[in-house]
Protein backbone atom coordinates (compact mmCIF):
# COMPACT_ATOMS: atom_id res chain seq x y z
CA MET A 1 133.68 -29.58 -139.06
CA ASN A 2 134.04 -29.19 -135.33
CA PHE A 3 131.62 -31.30 -133.33
CA VAL A 4 131.14 -31.60 -129.59
CA ARG A 5 129.35 -34.61 -128.09
CA ILE A 6 127.21 -34.04 -125.02
CA THR A 7 124.86 -36.17 -122.98
CA THR A 8 122.19 -34.63 -120.77
CA SER A 9 120.44 -36.05 -117.72
CA ASP A 10 117.43 -37.11 -119.80
CA GLU A 11 119.89 -39.46 -121.54
CA ASP A 12 119.87 -37.55 -124.83
CA THR A 13 123.19 -37.65 -126.64
CA ARG A 14 123.79 -34.95 -129.23
CA TRP A 15 126.63 -34.03 -131.53
CA ILE A 16 126.65 -30.28 -132.05
CA ASN A 17 128.39 -28.82 -135.08
CA LEU A 18 130.05 -25.71 -133.67
CA ASN A 19 130.30 -24.23 -137.18
CA LEU A 20 126.50 -24.00 -137.26
CA VAL A 21 126.08 -22.27 -133.89
CA SER A 22 125.35 -18.56 -134.27
CA ARG A 23 124.99 -17.62 -130.59
CA VAL A 24 125.36 -19.19 -127.15
CA THR A 25 124.31 -17.60 -123.90
CA ILE A 26 125.12 -18.93 -120.44
CA GLU A 27 123.19 -17.26 -117.67
CA THR A 28 122.01 -17.87 -114.15
CA ASP A 29 118.25 -17.86 -113.67
CA GLU A 30 116.37 -16.33 -110.74
CA SER A 31 116.73 -19.52 -108.69
CA GLY A 32 120.51 -19.63 -109.18
CA ILE A 33 120.55 -22.43 -111.79
CA GLU A 34 122.94 -22.06 -114.72
CA VAL A 35 121.22 -22.22 -118.12
CA LEU A 36 122.83 -22.57 -121.55
CA VAL A 37 120.92 -21.54 -124.69
CA ALA A 38 122.38 -22.13 -128.16
CA VAL A 39 120.87 -20.77 -131.37
CA PHE A 40 121.90 -22.28 -134.69
CA ALA A 41 122.78 -20.31 -137.82
CA ASP A 42 120.11 -22.02 -139.90
CA GLY A 43 117.34 -21.85 -137.29
CA SER A 44 115.22 -19.42 -135.39
CA ALA A 45 115.13 -18.68 -131.68
CA GLU A 46 112.31 -21.25 -131.37
CA ASP A 47 114.75 -23.93 -132.60
CA SER A 48 117.25 -23.20 -129.86
CA PHE A 49 118.96 -25.82 -127.72
CA ARG A 50 118.62 -25.33 -123.96
CA ILE A 51 120.29 -27.05 -121.02
CA ARG A 52 119.42 -26.31 -117.40
CA GLY A 53 122.18 -27.15 -114.94
CA THR A 54 119.84 -28.80 -112.47
CA ASP A 55 122.11 -31.80 -111.86
CA GLU A 56 125.73 -32.89 -112.28
CA VAL A 57 125.17 -34.44 -115.74
CA ASN A 58 123.67 -31.24 -117.16
CA LYS A 59 126.32 -29.09 -115.45
CA ALA A 60 128.99 -31.25 -117.10
CA ALA A 61 127.26 -30.85 -120.49
CA ILE A 62 127.28 -27.06 -120.11
CA LEU A 63 130.97 -27.13 -119.20
CA GLU A 64 131.76 -29.36 -122.19
CA ILE A 65 130.05 -26.99 -124.62
CA GLU A 66 131.78 -24.01 -123.01
CA ARG A 67 135.16 -25.76 -123.25
CA ALA A 68 134.59 -26.71 -126.89
CA LEU A 69 133.52 -23.18 -127.84
CA ASN A 70 136.54 -21.66 -126.12
CA HIS A 71 138.80 -24.09 -127.97
CA HIS A 72 136.98 -23.42 -131.26
CA CYS A 73 137.63 -19.67 -130.82
CA GLU A 74 141.40 -20.06 -130.46
């Protein structure tokens, strides 16, 4: 299993199993804020995980997931 540990600005800490992620999208919303949405293989779109890069902690969490996914793909 390949896990990545992230902490968001609301002080949630999560360990995400990259083997269970079916899709991740990183986009910029209309106000210029980066948003990450992850959908898991065993869940529906309603069970997605979302991070808004509204502060440095959330921006770091987005970067950590992106880094882990890039490494997982190698």
